[in-house]
Amino acid sequence: YVGSLGWANYKTGQFEHALSDLLRAERLMKRDGNLGPEVLDHLAQTYFRLGHRDKAIECIRRAMEPAPK
């Protein structure tokens, strides 16, 4: 639900709050081994809106990596 909250904050223009929530979602999903490309894509879009182009590109690269088998 944290990722969804982050995306809702993004959609309402609250990019700083979105970033905080999406980073938390990333940590939680990594810990549980469930990190998928959707959260990374949302992070990339948020970083881009905040002017952090390098971080946005890195998230997109990570999202495009093949899933571990």
PDB file of N, CA and C in Angstrom:
ATOM      1  N   TYR A   1       0.810  -1.203   0.000  1.00  0.00           N
ATOM      2  CA  TYR A   1       0.000   0.000   0.000  1.00  0.00           C
ATOM      3  C   TYR A   1       0.850   1.262   0.000  1.00  0.00           C
ATOM      4  N   VAL A   2       2.084   1.167   0.458  1.00  0.00           N
ATOM      5  CA  VAL A   2       2.939   2.358   0.531  1.00  0.00           C
ATOM      6  C   VAL A   2       3.258   2.866  -0.875  1.00  0.00           C
ATOM      7  N   GLY A   3       3.477   1.955  -1.807  1.00  0.00           N
ATOM      8  CA  GLY A   3       3.729   2.351  -3.182  1.00  0.00           C
ATOM      9  C   GLY A   3       2.527   3.054  -3.790  1.00  0.00           C
ATOM     10  N   SER A   4       1.338   2.541  -3.490  1.00  0.00           N
ATOM     11  CA  SER A   4       0.111   3.165  -3.997  1.00  0.00           C
ATOM     12  C   SER A   4      -0.073   4.558  -3.404  1.00  0.00           C
ATOM     13  N   LEU A   5       0.246   4.705  -2.137  1.00  0.00           N
ATOM     14  CA  LEU A   5       0.167   6.014  -1.498  1.00  0.00           C
ATOM     15  C   LEU A   5       1.142   6.981  -2.165  1.00  0.00           C
ATOM     16  N   GLY A   6       2.345   6.497  -2.435  1.00  0.00           N
ATOM     17  CA  GLY A   6       3.338   7.329  -3.113  1.00  0.00           C
ATOM     18  C   GLY A   6       2.861   7.771  -4.479  1.00  0.00           C
ATOM     19  N   TRP A   7       2.252   6.845  -5.219  1.00  0.00           N
ATOM     20  CA  TRP A   7       1.769   7.195  -6.551  1.00  0.00           C
ATOM     21  C   TRP A   7       0.600   8.172  -6.472  1.00  0.00           C
ATOM     22  N   ALA A   8      -0.248   8.012  -5.475  1.00  0.00           N
ATOM     23  CA  ALA A   8      -1.350   8.958  -5.285  1.00  0.00           C
ATOM     24  C   ALA A   8      -0.801  10.351  -4.985  1.00  0.00           C
ATOM     25  N   ASN A   9       0.235  10.421  -4.164  1.00  0.00           N
ATOM     26  CA  ASN A   9       0.865  11.722  -3.891  1.00  0.00           C
ATOM     27  C   ASN A   9       1.468  12.308  -5.158  1.00  0.00           C
ATOM     28  N   TYR A  10       2.068  11.477  -5.974  1.00  0.00           N
ATOM     29  CA  TYR A  10       2.615  11.942  -7.251  1.00  0.00           C
ATOM     30  C   TYR A  10       1.507  12.547  -8.114  1.00  0.00           C
ATOM     31  N   LYS A  11       0.413  11.811  -8.238  1.00  0.00           N
ATOM     32  CA  LYS A  11      -0.684  12.233  -9.110  1.00  0.00           C
ATOM     33  C   LYS A  11      -1.322  13.541  -8.650  1.00  0.00           C
ATOM     34  N   THR A  12      -1.201  13.851  -7.356  1.00  0.00           N
ATOM     35  CA  THR A  12      -1.754  15.110  -6.847  1.00  0.00           C
ATOM     36  C   THR A  12      -0.693  16.213  -6.757  1.00  0.00           C
ATOM     37  N   GLY A  13       0.483  15.952  -7.315  1.00  0.00           N
ATOM     38  CA  GLY A  13       1.526  16.967  -7.365  1.00  0.00           C
ATOM     39  C   GLY A  13       2.356  17.112  -6.108  1.00  0.00           C
ATOM     40  N   GLN A  14       2.209  16.200  -5.175  1.00  0.00           N
ATOM     41  CA  GLN A  14       2.977  16.252  -3.927  1.00  0.00           C
ATOM     42  C   GLN A  14       4.231  15.387  -4.089  1.00  0.00           C
ATOM     43  N   PHE A  15       5.170  15.868  -4.885  1.00  0.00           N
ATOM     44  CA  PHE A  15       6.301  15.062  -5.314  1.00  0.00           C
ATOM     45  C   PHE A  15       7.266  14.696  -4.186  1.00  0.00           C
ATOM     46  N   GLU A  16       7.477  15.589  -3.237  1.00  0.00           N
ATOM     47  CA  GLU A  16       8.363  15.269  -2.104  1.00  0.00           C
ATOM     48  C   GLU A  16       7.769  14.142  -1.262  1.00  0.00           C
ATOM     49  N   HIS A  17       6.468  14.213  -1.006  1.00  0.00           N
ATOM     50  CA  HIS A  17       5.801  13.146  -0.255  1.00  0.00           C
ATOM     51  C   HIS A  17       5.821  11.843  -1.046  1.00  0.00           C
ATOM     52  N   ALA A  18       5.606  11.960  -2.347  1.00  0.00           N
ATOM     53  CA  ALA A  18       5.638  10.780  -3.215  1.00  0.00           C
ATOM     54  C   ALA A  18       6.996  10.110  -3.141  1.00  0.00           C
ATOM     55  N   LEU A  19       8.050  10.894  -3.208  1.00  0.00           N
ATOM     56  CA  LEU A  19       9.398  10.338  -3.160  1.00  0.00           C
ATOM     57  C   LEU A  19       9.630   9.588  -1.860  1.00  0.00           C
ATOM     58  N   SER A  20       9.250  10.184  -0.768  1.00  0.00           N
ATOM     59  CA  SER A  20       9.416   9.545   0.537  1.00  0.00           C
ATOM     60  C   SER A  20       8.679   8.201   0.589  1.00  0.00           C
ATOM     61  N   ASP A  21       7.434   8.199   0.158  1.00  0.00           N
ATOM     62  CA  ASP A  21       6.639   6.966   0.186  1.00  0.00           C
ATOM     63  C   ASP A  21       7.195   5.914  -0.760  1.00  0.00           C
ATOM     64  N   LEU A  22       7.600   6.330  -1.957  1.00  0.00           N
ATOM     65  CA  LEU A  22       8.107   5.372  -2.937  1.00  0.00           C
ATOM     66  C   LEU A  22       9.454   4.793  -2.517  1.00  0.00           C
ATOM     67  N   LEU A  23      10.295   5.594  -1.891  1.00  0.00           N
ATOM     68  CA  LEU A  23      11.558   5.064  -1.374  1.00  0.00           C
ATOM     69  C   LEU A  23      11.302   4.048  -0.258  1.00  0.00           C
ATOM     70  N   ARG A  24      10.321   4.343   0.570  1.00  0.00           N
ATOM     71  CA  ARG A  24       9.940   3.392   1.625  1.00  0.00           C
ATOM     72  C   ARG A  24       9.409   2.097   1.001  1.00  0.00           C
ATOM     73  N   ALA A  25       8.575   2.221  -0.017  1.00  0.00           N
ATOM     74  CA  ALA A  25       8.040   1.039  -0.703  1.00  0.00           C
ATOM     75  C   ALA A  25       9.180   0.229  -1.313  1.00  0.00           C
ATOM     76  N   GLU A  26      10.148   0.913  -1.899  1.00  0.00           N
ATOM     77  CA  GLU A  26      11.296   0.217  -2.487  1.00  0.00           C
ATOM     78  C   GLU A  26      12.042  -0.586  -1.425  1.00  0.00           C
ATOM     79  N   ARG A  27      12.304   0.031  -0.282  1.00  0.00           N
ATOM     80  CA  ARG A  27      13.009  -0.674   0.802  1.00  0.00           C
ATOM     81  C   ARG A  27      12.228  -1.899   1.269  1.00  0.00           C
ATOM     82  N   LEU A  28      10.928  -1.721   1.481  1.00  0.00           N
ATOM     83  CA  LEU A  28      10.105  -2.823   1.960  1.00  0.00           C
ATOM     84  C   LEU A  28      10.030  -3.959   0.944  1.00  0.00           C
ATOM     85  N   MET A  29       9.881  -3.612  -0.312  1.00  0.00           N
ATOM     86  CA  MET A  29       9.766  -4.635  -1.348  1.00  0.00           C
ATOM     87  C   MET A  29      11.101  -5.345  -1.580  1.00  0.00           C
ATOM     88  N   LYS A  30      12.204  -4.612  -1.491  1.00  0.00           N
ATOM     89  CA  LYS A  30      13.529  -5.233  -1.596  1.00  0.00           C
ATOM     90  C   LYS A  30      13.719  -6.240  -0.471  1.00  0.00           C
ATOM     91  N   ARG A  31      13.363  -5.817   0.727  1.00  0.00           N
ATOM     92  CA  ARG A  31      13.507  -6.680   1.901  1.00  0.00           C
ATOM     93  C   ARG A  31      12.734  -7.979   1.721  1.00  0.00           C
ATOM     94  N   ASP A  32      11.551  -7.881   1.136  1.00  0.00           N
ATOM     95  CA  ASP A  32      10.699  -9.055   0.947  1.00  0.00           C
ATOM     96  C   ASP A  32      10.968  -9.786  -0.366  1.00  0.00           C
ATOM     97  N   GLY A  33      11.886  -9.258  -1.171  1.00  0.00           N
ATOM     98  CA  GLY A  33      12.212  -9.888  -2.443  1.00  0.00           C
ATOM     99  C   GLY A  33      11.155  -9.705  -3.511  1.00  0.00           C
ATOM    100  N   ASN A  34      10.340  -8.652  -3.390  1.00  0.00           N
ATOM    101  CA  ASN A  34       9.236  -8.420  -4.321  1.00  0.00           C
ATOM    102  C   ASN A  34       9.375  -7.133  -5.127  1.00  0.00           C
ATOM    103  N   LEU A  35      10.570  -6.586  -5.220  1.00  0.00           N
ATOM    104  CA  LEU A  35      10.719  -5.314  -5.916  1.00  0.00           C
ATOM    105  C   LEU A  35      10.527  -5.520  -7.413  1.00  0.00           C
ATOM    106  N   GLY A  36       9.503  -4.899  -7.939  1.00  0.00           N
ATOM    107  CA  GLY A  36       9.206  -5.007  -9.357  1.00  0.00           C
ATOM    108  C   GLY A  36       9.465  -3.710 -10.081  1.00  0.00           C
ATOM    109  N   PRO A  37       9.356  -3.737 -11.397  1.00  0.00           N
ATOM    110  CA  PRO A  37       9.673  -2.547 -12.183  1.00  0.00           C
ATOM    111  C   PRO A  37       8.688  -1.391 -11.995  1.00  0.00           C
ATOM    112  N   GLU A  38       7.480  -1.662 -11.541  1.00  0.00           N
ATOM    113  CA  GLU A  38       6.493  -0.584 -11.403  1.00  0.00           C
ATOM    114  C   GLU A  38       6.926   0.461 -10.376  1.00  0.00           C
ATOM    115  N   VAL A  39       7.393   0.014  -9.225  1.00  0.00           N
ATOM    116  CA  VAL A  39       7.840   0.967  -8.199  1.00  0.00           C
ATOM    117  C   VAL A  39       9.045   1.750  -8.707  1.00  0.00           C
ATOM    118  N   LEU A  40       9.955   1.079  -9.401  1.00  0.00           N
ATOM    119  CA  LEU A  40      11.123   1.769  -9.945  1.00  0.00           C
ATOM    120  C   LEU A  40      10.718   2.786 -11.010  1.00  0.00           C
ATOM    121  N   ASP A  41       9.733   2.452 -11.817  1.00  0.00           N
ATOM    122  CA  ASP A  41       9.221   3.394 -12.810  1.00  0.00           C
ATOM    123  C   ASP A  41       8.609   4.616 -12.128  1.00  0.00           C
ATOM    124  N   HIS A  42       7.832   4.389 -11.096  1.00  0.00           N
ATOM    125  CA  HIS A  42       7.215   5.495 -10.370  1.00  0.00           C
ATOM    126  C   HIS A  42       8.274   6.356  -9.688  1.00  0.00           C
ATOM    127  N   LEU A  43       9.294   5.698  -9.161  1.00  0.00           N
ATOM    128  CA  LEU A  43      10.402   6.457  -8.572  1.00  0.00           C
ATOM    129  C   LEU A  43      11.081   7.314  -9.638  1.00  0.00           C
ATOM    130  N   ALA A  44      11.310   6.730 -10.801  1.00  0.00           N
ATOM    131  CA  ALA A  44      11.968   7.464 -11.886  1.00  0.00           C
ATOM    132  C   ALA A  44      11.151   8.698 -12.268  1.00  0.00           C
ATOM    133  N   GLN A  45       9.864   8.531 -12.413  1.00  0.00           N
ATOM    134  CA  GLN A  45       9.019   9.668 -12.788  1.00  0.00           C
ATOM    135  C   GLN A  45       9.042  10.752 -11.717  1.00  0.00           C
ATOM    136  N   THR A  46       9.064  10.331 -10.457  1.00  0.00           N
ATOM    137  CA  THR A  46       9.105  11.289  -9.346  1.00  0.00           C
ATOM    138  C   THR A  46      10.435  12.027  -9.318  1.00  0.00           C
ATOM    139  N   TYR A  47      11.540  11.271  -9.434  1.00  0.00           N
ATOM    140  CA  TYR A  47      12.854  11.917  -9.482  1.00  0.00           C
ATOM    141  C   TYR A  47      12.924  12.925 -10.632  1.00  0.00           C
ATOM    142  N   PHE A  48      12.389  12.541 -11.787  1.00  0.00           N
ATOM    143  CA  PHE A  48      12.415  13.431 -12.944  1.00  0.00           C
ATOM    144  C   PHE A  48      11.662  14.731 -12.646  1.00  0.00           C
ATOM    145  N   ARG A  49      10.498  14.626 -12.047  1.00  0.00           N
ATOM    146  CA  ARG A  49       9.695  15.822 -11.712  1.00  0.00           C
ATOM    147  C   ARG A  49      10.418  16.725 -10.726  1.00  0.00           C
ATOM    148  N   LEU A  50      11.239  16.105  -9.866  1.00  0.00           N
ATOM    149  CA  LEU A  50      11.973  16.878  -8.863  1.00  0.00           C
ATOM    150  C   LEU A  50      13.311  17.394  -9.405  1.00  0.00           C
ATOM    151  N   GLY A  51      13.601  17.082 -10.675  1.00  0.00           N
ATOM    152  CA  GLY A  51      14.828  17.584 -11.281  1.00  0.00           C
ATOM    153  C   GLY A  51      16.050  16.719 -11.077  1.00  0.00           C
ATOM    154  N   HIS A  52      15.876  15.513 -10.572  1.00  0.00           N
ATOM    155  CA  HIS A  52      16.996  14.597 -10.335  1.00  0.00           C
ATOM    156  C   HIS A  52      17.102  13.627 -11.512  1.00  0.00           C
ATOM    157  N   ARG A  53      17.569  14.140 -12.646  1.00  0.00           N
ATOM    158  CA  ARG A  53      17.591  13.349 -13.882  1.00  0.00           C
ATOM    159  C   ARG A  53      18.457  12.095 -13.771  1.00  0.00           C
ATOM    160  N   ASP A  54      19.628  12.210 -13.144  1.00  0.00           N
ATOM    161  CA  ASP A  54      20.526  11.055 -13.034  1.00  0.00           C
ATOM    162  C   ASP A  54      19.884   9.924 -12.234  1.00  0.00           C
ATOM    163  N   LYS A  55      19.210  10.270 -11.152  1.00  0.00           N
ATOM    164  CA  LYS A  55      18.540   9.251 -10.343  1.00  0.00           C
ATOM    165  C   LYS A  55      17.375   8.631 -11.113  1.00  0.00           C
ATOM    166  N   ALA A  56      16.683   9.445 -11.898  1.00  0.00           N
ATOM    167  CA  ALA A  56      15.574   8.934 -12.708  1.00  0.00           C
ATOM    168  C   ALA A  56      16.085   7.909 -13.711  1.00  0.00           C
ATOM    169  N   ILE A  57      17.184   8.232 -14.379  1.00  0.00           N
ATOM    170  CA  ILE A  57      17.762   7.315 -15.363  1.00  0.00           C
ATOM    171  C   ILE A  57      18.203   6.019 -14.691  1.00  0.00           C
ATOM    172  N   GLU A  58      18.818   6.123 -13.535  1.00  0.00           N
ATOM    173  CA  GLU A  58      19.257   4.923 -12.814  1.00  0.00           C
ATOM    174  C   GLU A  58      18.072   4.020 -12.459  1.00  0.00           C
ATOM    175  N   CYS A  59      16.977   4.606 -12.034  1.00  0.00           N
ATOM    176  CA  CYS A  59      15.786   3.806 -11.711  1.00  0.00           C
ATOM    177  C   CYS A  59      15.239   3.100 -12.950  1.00  0.00           C
ATOM    178  N   ILE A  60      15.231   3.791 -14.077  1.00  0.00           N
ATOM    179  CA  ILE A  60      14.752   3.174 -15.315  1.00  0.00           C
ATOM    180  C   ILE A  60      15.670   2.020 -15.701  1.00  0.00           C
ATOM    181  N   ARG A  61      16.967   2.206 -15.581  1.00  0.00           N
ATOM    182  CA  ARG A  61      17.916   1.115 -15.884  1.00  0.00           C
ATOM    183  C   ARG A  61      17.650  -0.090 -14.993  1.00  0.00           C
ATOM    184  N   ARG A  62      17.466   0.171 -13.719  1.00  0.00           N
ATOM    185  CA  ARG A  62      17.186  -0.938 -12.786  1.00  0.00           C
ATOM    186  C   ARG A  62      15.867  -1.628 -13.110  1.00  0.00           C
ATOM    187  N   ALA A  63      14.870  -0.864 -13.519  1.00  0.00           N
ATOM    188  CA  ALA A  63      13.564  -1.429 -13.854  1.00  0.00           C
ATOM    189  C   ALA A  63      13.651  -2.330 -15.081  1.00  0.00           C
ATOM    190  N   MET A  64      14.587  -2.052 -15.964  1.00  0.00           N
ATOM    191  CA  MET A  64      14.726  -2.814 -17.196  1.00  0.00           C
ATOM    192  C   MET A  64      15.584  -4.068 -17.046  1.00  0.00           C
ATOM    193  N   GLU A  65      16.246  -4.213 -15.904  1.00  0.00           N
ATOM    194  CA  GLU A  65      17.077  -5.401 -15.690  1.00  0.00           C
ATOM    195  C   GLU A  65      16.197  -6.642 -15.598  1.00  0.00           C
ATOM    196  N   PRO A  66      16.693  -7.756 -16.121  1.00  0.00           N
ATOM    197  CA  PRO A  66      15.915  -8.991 -16.003  1.00  0.00           C
ATOM    198  C   PRO A  66      15.758  -9.401 -14.538  1.00  0.00           C
ATOM    199  N   ALA A  67      14.613  -9.973 -14.247  1.00  0.00           N
ATOM    200  CA  ALA A  67      14.349 -10.433 -12.874  1.00  0.00           C
ATOM    201  C   ALA A  67      15.263 -11.607 -12.544  1.00  0.00           C
ATOM    202  N   PRO A  68      15.776 -11.662 -11.313  1.00  0.00           N
ATOM    203  CA  PRO A  68      16.609 -12.809 -10.916  1.00  0.00           C
ATOM    204  C   PRO A  68      15.797 -14.099 -10.949  1.00  0.00           C
ATOM    205  N   LYS A  69      16.450 -15.162 -11.335  1.00  0.00           N
ATOM    206  CA  LYS A  69      15.754 -16.463 -11.410  1.00  0.00           C
ATOM    207  C   LYS A  69      15.946 -17.278 -10.173  1.00  0.00           C
TER     208      LYS A  69
END
